[in-house]
Amino acid sequence: MKLSTRLFSAITLVVSTHIGIASAATDVDALKKQFMAEQIKQGFSQQEIEAFLNESTYTQEVIDAITKPWEAKPWHQYYPIFLTEKRLAKGLEFWHENADTIAKAADKFNVDPQIIVAIIGIETFYGGYMGNYRVQDALYTLGFYYAPRATFFRSEYGNLMSLIKEEKLDNASLKGSYAGAMGFGQFIPSSYRHYSVDFSGDGRRDLLTSKADAIGSVANYFHQHGWQRGAPVALPLNHTDNKAPKARVWTKERLHYRASDILAPTLSLASAQDIDVSQQALLVKLEQPEADEYWLGLKNFYVITRYNRSPLYAMAVYQFSEQLKAQYNAK
C-alpha cells in the first residue's frame, strides 16, 4: 500500500521527534554518569550522588529566564531598573545601619565602602529580593539541559553539594536566582565556597541571613580580584566623529588594550585630567536613544565585571556607588 505524502510526513515527524527525545535523554544520562564520576573524586558516595540527582527537578522557568536576561536590554532601558530613588534611599539606610561593619570590611580588604553597598543593593535590594528559585533545581536544569553553559553550571551543581555539606545548609529551603546565586550578595556555590568569610565571628559563613558576613564576603571578593581602593573606575569620553572608534568595544574578553590604544582626537576624556595612558583599559559603549555614550573603563571597572560579566551591570554598579558616596558624605 502506498502512503500519501502527508501521512508519510506525519509519521516521519513523529519518529524524528521520538528519536530526538531519546537522544536528549541519552545525552543527559551520559552527563549524569560523568557527574557521578567527578563527584566520587570529591569524596561523595554513589548513594549520596544518586540521592542528590533524584531530589533535583527540571524547571522550565529557569531556561526561560536565562534566555531573556536583563543585560540584553540597551543601556537606556537597563539603567532605570536599578538606578532609582527607592534603591538609593534603601542603600543609604543600609549603610548607616551597618556603618561600622562596612568601614571595617573596607579597611580590612582595602575596598571602597560604596562599592560594597552598591553591590548588595543592585543584587538583592539589600536582602529584599534574594530569588525564589530552588537553587538545586536551577543548577540541575542549567547543568544538564542548557547546552550553551552546561559544563559551568554542572560544576556549580557539584559545588552546591560540597557547600551544603560544609556549611550545613538547609537544602530544602535554599532559594536563589535562576542561575543558582544565593544570599545578600548573590554568590554562586563556587564563589560562596572560595570567597565568603565569617565576618561576624560566630564560626559560620552565612551569606543568607548575616549582613556582616555578606558585607565582608563582598569586600573579600573584590579584594581577591584586584580592586584598587581610591582608584578611578570609569571615565566618560567625548566622541566627536560619526565613525566607530579605532578601538573595539569591550565584549567580555580579558584586558588587552592600554588607555593609549583607545583615546584619540575624536575620542577624548570628557573632563581634562592627567591619567596614566599606559594602564590597561577597555572601551564601553552605552546605547542611548539619541546617540551612544562611550566610557573608558579602567582596572576597577574590569574587577566589577568579575562579579557579573556584563558591562551594563558594571556601569550600573559604578554609577550607583557614586550616587551612594555623594549622598552619604553629604550628611
Protein backbone atom coordinates (compact mmCIF):
# COMPACT_ATOMS: atom_id res chain seq x y z
CA MET A 1 0.00 0.00 0.00
CA LYS A 2 1.42 3.43 -0.95
CA LEU A 3 1.39 6.08 1.81
CA SER A 4 0.18 9.55 1.00
CA THR A 5 2.80 12.29 1.13
CA ARG A 6 1.00 13.96 4.04
CA LEU A 7 0.75 10.73 6.06
CA PHE A 8 4.39 9.86 5.35
CA SER A 9 5.48 13.31 6.53
CA ALA A 10 3.42 12.99 9.71
CA ILE A 11 4.93 9.59 10.51
CA THR A 12 8.42 10.93 9.80
CA LEU A 13 7.82 13.85 12.17
CA VAL A 14 6.63 11.57 14.97
CA VAL A 15 9.57 9.19 14.54
CA SER A 16 12.06 12.06 14.36
CA THR A 17 10.58 13.62 17.49
CA HIS A 18 10.87 10.38 19.44
CA ILE A 19 14.44 9.88 18.21
CA GLY A 20 15.26 13.43 19.30
CA ILE A 21 13.77 12.84 22.76
CA ALA A 22 15.61 9.55 23.10
CA SER A 23 18.86 11.17 22.00
CA ALA A 24 18.43 14.00 24.50
CA ALA A 25 17.67 11.52 27.28
CA THR A 26 20.79 9.55 26.35
CA ASP A 27 22.88 12.72 26.50
CA VAL A 28 21.54 13.59 29.96
CA ASP A 29 22.21 10.06 31.17
CA ALA A 30 25.79 10.31 29.91
CA LEU A 31 26.25 13.67 31.64
CA LYS A 32 24.91 12.22 34.88
CA LYS A 33 27.38 9.34 34.72
CA GLN A 34 30.18 11.83 34.10
CA PHE A 35 28.95 13.96 37.00
CA MET A 36 28.86 10.96 39.31
CA ALA A 37 32.44 10.07 38.45
CA GLU A 38 33.57 13.64 39.17
CA GLN A 39 31.72 13.79 42.50
CA ILE A 40 33.10 10.46 43.63
CA LYS A 41 36.55 12.03 43.21
CA GLN A 42 35.35 14.77 45.57
CA GLY A 43 34.65 12.20 48.25
CA PHE A 44 30.92 11.62 47.80
CA SER A 45 29.47 8.12 47.71
CA GLN A 46 27.45 6.88 44.74
CA GLN A 47 24.41 6.70 47.02
CA GLU A 48 24.79 10.36 48.04
CA ILE A 49 25.16 11.50 44.43
CA GLU A 50 22.19 9.48 43.20
CA ALA A 51 20.05 10.86 46.01
CA PHE A 52 21.08 14.43 45.14
CA LEU A 53 20.25 13.87 41.47
CA ASN A 54 16.91 12.25 42.29
CA GLU A 55 15.97 15.19 44.53
CA SER A 56 16.56 17.63 41.65
CA THR A 57 13.80 18.75 39.29
CA TYR A 58 13.95 20.21 35.79
CA THR A 59 12.44 23.73 35.83
CA GLN A 60 11.41 25.28 32.53
CA GLU A 61 11.13 28.75 34.10
CA VAL A 62 14.90 28.68 34.66
CA ILE A 63 15.55 28.11 30.96
CA ASP A 64 13.10 30.88 30.09
CA ALA A 65 14.84 33.30 32.45
CA ILE A 66 18.40 32.67 31.30
CA THR A 67 17.47 33.11 27.66
CA LYS A 68 15.99 36.57 28.35
CA PRO A 69 18.48 38.31 30.67
CA TRP A 70 18.06 41.97 31.61
CA GLU A 71 21.57 42.60 30.32
CA ALA A 72 20.28 42.07 26.78
CA LYS A 73 18.44 45.39 27.01
CA PRO A 74 20.01 48.62 25.69
CA TRP A 75 21.51 50.87 28.39
CA HIS A 76 18.67 53.42 28.29
CA GLN A 77 16.22 50.65 29.22
CA TYR A 78 18.57 48.83 31.59
CA TYR A 79 19.75 51.51 33.99
CA PRO A 80 16.28 52.78 35.08
CA ILE A 81 15.66 49.32 36.55
CA PHE A 82 18.49 49.79 39.05
CA LEU A 83 19.25 53.49 39.43
CA THR A 84 16.15 54.55 41.34
CA GLU A 85 15.46 56.89 44.25
CA LYS A 86 13.95 53.97 46.17
CA ARG A 87 17.12 51.89 45.86
CA LEU A 88 19.28 54.89 46.77
CA ALA A 89 17.24 55.58 49.90
CA LYS A 90 17.43 51.93 50.93
CA GLY A 91 21.16 51.90 50.27
CA LEU A 92 21.79 54.91 52.48
CA GLU A 93 19.68 53.33 55.22
CA PHE A 94 21.66 50.07 54.92
CA TRP A 95 24.97 51.97 55.01
CA HIS A 96 24.03 53.95 58.13
CA GLU A 97 22.70 50.87 59.93
CA ASN A 98 25.84 48.85 59.15
CA ALA A 99 28.38 51.69 59.07
CA ASP A 100 30.88 50.12 61.48
CA THR A 101 30.85 46.75 59.71
CA ILE A 102 31.17 48.33 56.27
CA ALA A 103 34.06 50.55 57.40
CA LYS A 104 35.79 47.56 59.00
CA ALA A 105 35.41 45.48 55.83
CA ALA A 106 36.58 48.35 53.61
CA ASP A 107 39.71 48.79 55.72
CA LYS A 108 40.48 45.09 56.11
CA PHE A 109 40.14 44.30 52.40
CA ASN A 110 41.23 47.70 51.02
CA VAL A 111 37.99 48.22 49.12
CA ASP A 112 35.92 51.40 48.74
CA PRO A 113 32.88 51.18 51.04
CA GLN A 114 30.42 52.49 48.44
CA ILE A 115 31.17 49.57 46.11
CA ILE A 116 30.24 47.08 48.85
CA VAL A 117 26.95 48.87 49.48
CA ALA A 118 26.22 49.22 45.77
CA ILE A 119 26.72 45.53 45.01
CA ILE A 120 24.33 44.36 47.73
CA GLY A 121 21.79 46.93 46.58
CA ILE A 122 21.97 46.02 42.90
CA GLU A 123 21.95 42.30 43.60
CA THR A 124 19.13 41.91 46.12
CA PHE A 125 17.83 45.35 47.14
CA TYR A 126 19.57 44.78 50.48
CA GLY A 127 18.09 41.37 51.04
CA GLY A 128 14.62 42.23 49.78
CA TYR A 129 14.79 40.06 46.67
CA MET A 130 17.08 37.07 47.06
CA GLY A 131 15.34 34.87 44.49
CA ASN A 132 12.52 32.35 44.52
CA TYR A 133 14.11 29.52 42.56
CA ARG A 134 15.18 26.40 44.41
CA VAL A 135 18.96 26.54 43.95
CA GLN A 136 19.38 22.80 43.47
CA ASP A 137 16.73 22.71 40.75
CA ALA A 138 18.08 25.79 38.97
CA LEU A 139 21.63 24.43 38.76
CA TYR A 140 20.41 20.95 37.83
CA THR A 141 18.32 22.38 34.99
CA LEU A 142 21.15 24.51 33.61
CA GLY A 143 23.81 21.86 34.19
CA PHE A 144 22.05 19.10 32.30
CA TYR A 145 19.60 20.83 29.96
CA TYR A 146 21.18 24.15 28.92
CA ALA A 147 23.87 23.28 26.39
CA PRO A 148 25.49 26.73 25.97
CA ARG A 149 26.80 26.74 29.57
CA ALA A 150 26.09 23.25 30.81
CA THR A 151 29.67 22.49 31.84
CA PHE A 152 29.87 25.62 34.00
CA PHE A 153 26.53 25.06 35.72
CA ARG A 154 27.16 21.35 36.23
CA SER A 155 30.33 22.34 38.07
CA GLU A 156 28.27 24.74 40.21
CA TYR A 157 25.79 21.95 40.86
CA GLY A 158 28.68 19.87 42.17
CA ASN A 159 29.95 22.78 44.24
CA LEU A 160 26.48 23.08 45.72
CA MET A 161 26.73 19.52 47.04
CA SER A 162 30.00 20.39 48.78
CA LEU A 163 28.71 23.73 50.05
CA ILE A 164 25.63 22.20 51.64
CA LYS A 165 27.81 19.71 53.46
CA GLU A 166 30.49 22.21 54.51
CA GLU A 167 28.17 24.95 55.75
CA LYS A 168 25.34 22.64 56.91
CA LEU A 169 22.79 24.50 54.80
CA ASP A 170 19.12 23.55 54.72
CA ASN A 171 18.90 22.42 51.12
CA ALA A 172 15.11 22.09 51.16
CA SER A 173 14.66 25.82 51.78
CA LEU A 174 17.68 27.07 49.81
CA LYS A 175 16.36 29.64 47.33
CA GLY A 176 18.18 31.95 44.94
CA SER A 177 18.31 33.32 41.41
CA TYR A 178 17.62 31.39 38.23
CA ALA A 179 21.41 31.00 37.92
CA GLY A 180 21.76 29.49 41.39
CA ALA A 181 23.10 32.60 43.15
CA MET A 182 22.32 32.97 46.85
CA GLY A 183 22.17 35.40 49.73
CA PHE A 184 22.55 39.17 50.11
CA GLY A 185 25.36 39.33 47.56
CA GLN A 186 24.09 36.54 45.29
CA PHE A 187 27.12 34.25 45.38
CA ILE A 188 27.06 31.15 43.20
CA PRO A 189 28.20 28.00 45.06
CA SER A 190 31.86 28.14 43.94
CA SER A 191 32.12 31.81 44.94
CA TYR A 192 30.42 31.07 48.26
CA ARG A 193 32.99 28.35 48.94
CA HIS A 194 36.04 30.33 47.85
CA TYR A 195 35.32 33.97 48.78
CA SER A 196 32.85 34.02 51.67
CA VAL A 197 34.19 34.90 55.11
CA ASP A 198 32.93 34.66 58.67
CA PHE A 199 32.94 38.40 59.31
CA SER A 200 30.56 38.23 62.27
CA GLY A 201 32.87 35.87 64.16
CA ASP A 202 30.18 33.33 65.01
CA GLY A 203 32.02 30.41 63.41
CA ARG A 204 29.83 30.21 60.28
CA ARG A 205 29.97 31.72 56.81
CA ASP A 206 26.35 32.73 56.47
CA LEU A 207 25.54 34.76 53.37
CA LEU A 208 21.83 34.01 53.65
CA THR A 209 20.94 35.79 56.88
CA SER A 210 24.11 37.52 58.18
CA LYS A 211 24.59 41.06 56.88
CA ALA A 212 28.07 41.14 58.42
CA ASP A 213 29.18 38.00 56.58
CA ALA A 214 27.67 39.31 53.35
CA ILE A 215 29.45 42.67 53.68
CA GLY A 216 32.79 41.05 54.49
CA SER A 217 32.44 38.49 51.72
CA VAL A 218 31.63 41.05 49.01
CA ALA A 219 34.65 43.07 50.14
CA ASN A 220 36.85 39.97 50.07
CA TYR A 221 35.60 39.06 46.59
CA PHE A 222 36.65 42.45 45.25
CA HIS A 223 39.94 42.33 47.10
CA GLN A 224 40.78 38.91 45.69
CA HIS A 225 40.05 40.15 42.17
CA GLY A 226 42.39 43.12 42.44
CA TRP A 227 40.28 46.12 43.43
CA GLN A 228 42.37 49.27 43.98
CA ARG A 229 40.89 51.47 46.69
CA GLY A 230 40.61 55.10 45.71
CA ALA A 231 41.50 54.44 42.08
CA PRO A 232 39.13 55.61 39.31
CA VAL A 233 36.65 53.14 37.85
CA ALA A 234 35.44 54.63 34.57
CA LEU A 235 35.78 57.96 32.80
CA PRO A 236 33.26 59.45 30.31
CA LEU A 237 34.54 60.18 26.81
CA ASN A 238 33.69 62.75 24.15
CA HIS A 239 33.09 61.20 20.75
CA THR A 240 33.31 63.84 18.02
CA ASP A 241 33.12 61.67 14.93
CA ASN A 242 30.36 59.66 13.28
CA LYS A 243 32.82 56.87 12.59
CA ALA A 244 33.29 53.99 15.00
CA PRO A 245 36.23 54.39 17.43
CA LYS A 246 39.53 52.82 16.41
CA ALA A 247 39.43 50.50 19.44
CA ARG A 248 36.91 47.68 19.57
CA VAL A 249 34.16 47.93 22.17
CA TRP A 250 34.78 45.52 25.04
CA THR A 251 32.95 42.19 24.73
CA LYS A 252 33.88 40.42 27.98
CA GLU A 253 37.38 39.33 26.94
CA ARG A 254 40.49 39.76 29.09
CA LEU A 255 42.02 43.20 29.20
CA HIS A 256 44.35 43.69 26.25
CA TYR A 257 44.15 47.41 25.41
CA ARG A 258 46.04 50.26 27.06
CA ALA A 259 44.31 53.60 27.56
CA SER A 260 46.52 54.97 24.80
CA ASP A 261 45.04 52.39 22.38
CA ILE A 262 41.55 53.78 22.99
CA LEU A 263 41.99 57.53 23.36
CA ALA A 264 42.18 59.59 20.16
CA PRO A 265 41.50 63.16 18.97
CA THR A 266 37.93 62.08 18.17
CA LEU A 267 37.51 60.06 21.40
CA SER A 268 38.91 62.01 24.32
CA LEU A 269 38.30 62.35 28.04
CA ALA A 270 35.18 64.42 28.70
CA SER A 271 36.98 66.20 31.56
CA ALA A 272 40.61 67.11 31.05
CA GLN A 273 42.81 65.29 33.56
CA ASP A 274 46.13 63.55 33.77
CA ILE A 275 45.94 59.76 33.64
CA ASP A 276 48.47 57.03 33.06
CA VAL A 277 47.79 56.16 29.42
CA SER A 278 49.89 53.01 29.72
CA GLN A 279 47.42 51.43 32.15
CA GLN A 280 45.13 48.65 30.97
CA ALA A 281 41.70 49.81 29.89
CA LEU A 282 38.60 48.87 27.93
CA LEU A 283 36.06 50.72 25.82
CA VAL A 284 32.43 50.69 26.94
CA LYS A 285 29.53 51.71 24.70
CA LEU A 286 26.15 52.59 26.21
CA GLU A 287 23.18 52.74 23.88
CA GLN A 288 21.11 55.90 24.33
CA PRO A 289 18.02 56.91 22.30
CA GLU A 290 19.77 59.82 20.56
CA ALA A 291 23.44 58.84 20.46
CA ASP A 292 25.70 56.23 22.01
CA GLU A 293 27.83 57.10 25.04
CA TYR A 294 31.42 55.96 25.31
CA TRP A 295 33.37 55.39 28.52
CA LEU A 296 36.93 54.45 29.33
CA GLY A 297 36.76 51.51 31.73
CA LEU A 298 39.81 51.07 33.96
CA LYS A 299 41.07 48.18 36.10
CA ASN A 300 38.43 48.66 38.81
CA PHE A 301 35.68 48.58 36.18
CA TYR A 302 37.05 45.27 34.95
CA VAL A 303 37.04 43.97 38.54
CA ILE A 304 33.29 44.70 38.79
CA THR A 305 32.81 42.54 35.70
CA ARG A 306 34.34 39.61 37.58
CA TYR A 307 31.15 39.70 39.64
CA ASN A 308 28.94 39.85 36.55
CA ARG A 309 30.47 39.89 33.06
CA SER A 310 28.00 42.40 31.65
CA PRO A 311 29.42 45.92 31.03
CA LEU A 312 25.91 47.27 31.63
CA TYR A 313 25.87 45.66 35.06
CA ALA A 314 29.30 47.04 35.89
CA MET A 315 28.30 50.55 34.83
CA ALA A 316 25.08 50.40 36.86
CA VAL A 317 27.06 49.30 39.93
CA TYR A 318 29.62 52.05 39.42
CA GLN A 319 27.11 54.84 38.87
CA PHE A 320 25.01 53.67 41.81
CA SER A 321 28.11 53.56 44.03
CA GLU A 322 28.88 57.16 43.08
CA GLN A 323 25.34 58.23 43.98
CA LEU A 324 25.65 56.46 47.33
CA LYS A 325 29.02 58.04 48.12
CA ALA A 326 27.84 61.54 47.27
CA GLN A 327 24.68 61.26 49.36
CA TYR A 328 26.35 59.50 52.31
CA ASN A 329 29.18 62.03 52.52
CA ALA A 330 26.75 64.95 52.25
CA LYS A 331 25.05 64.01 55.52
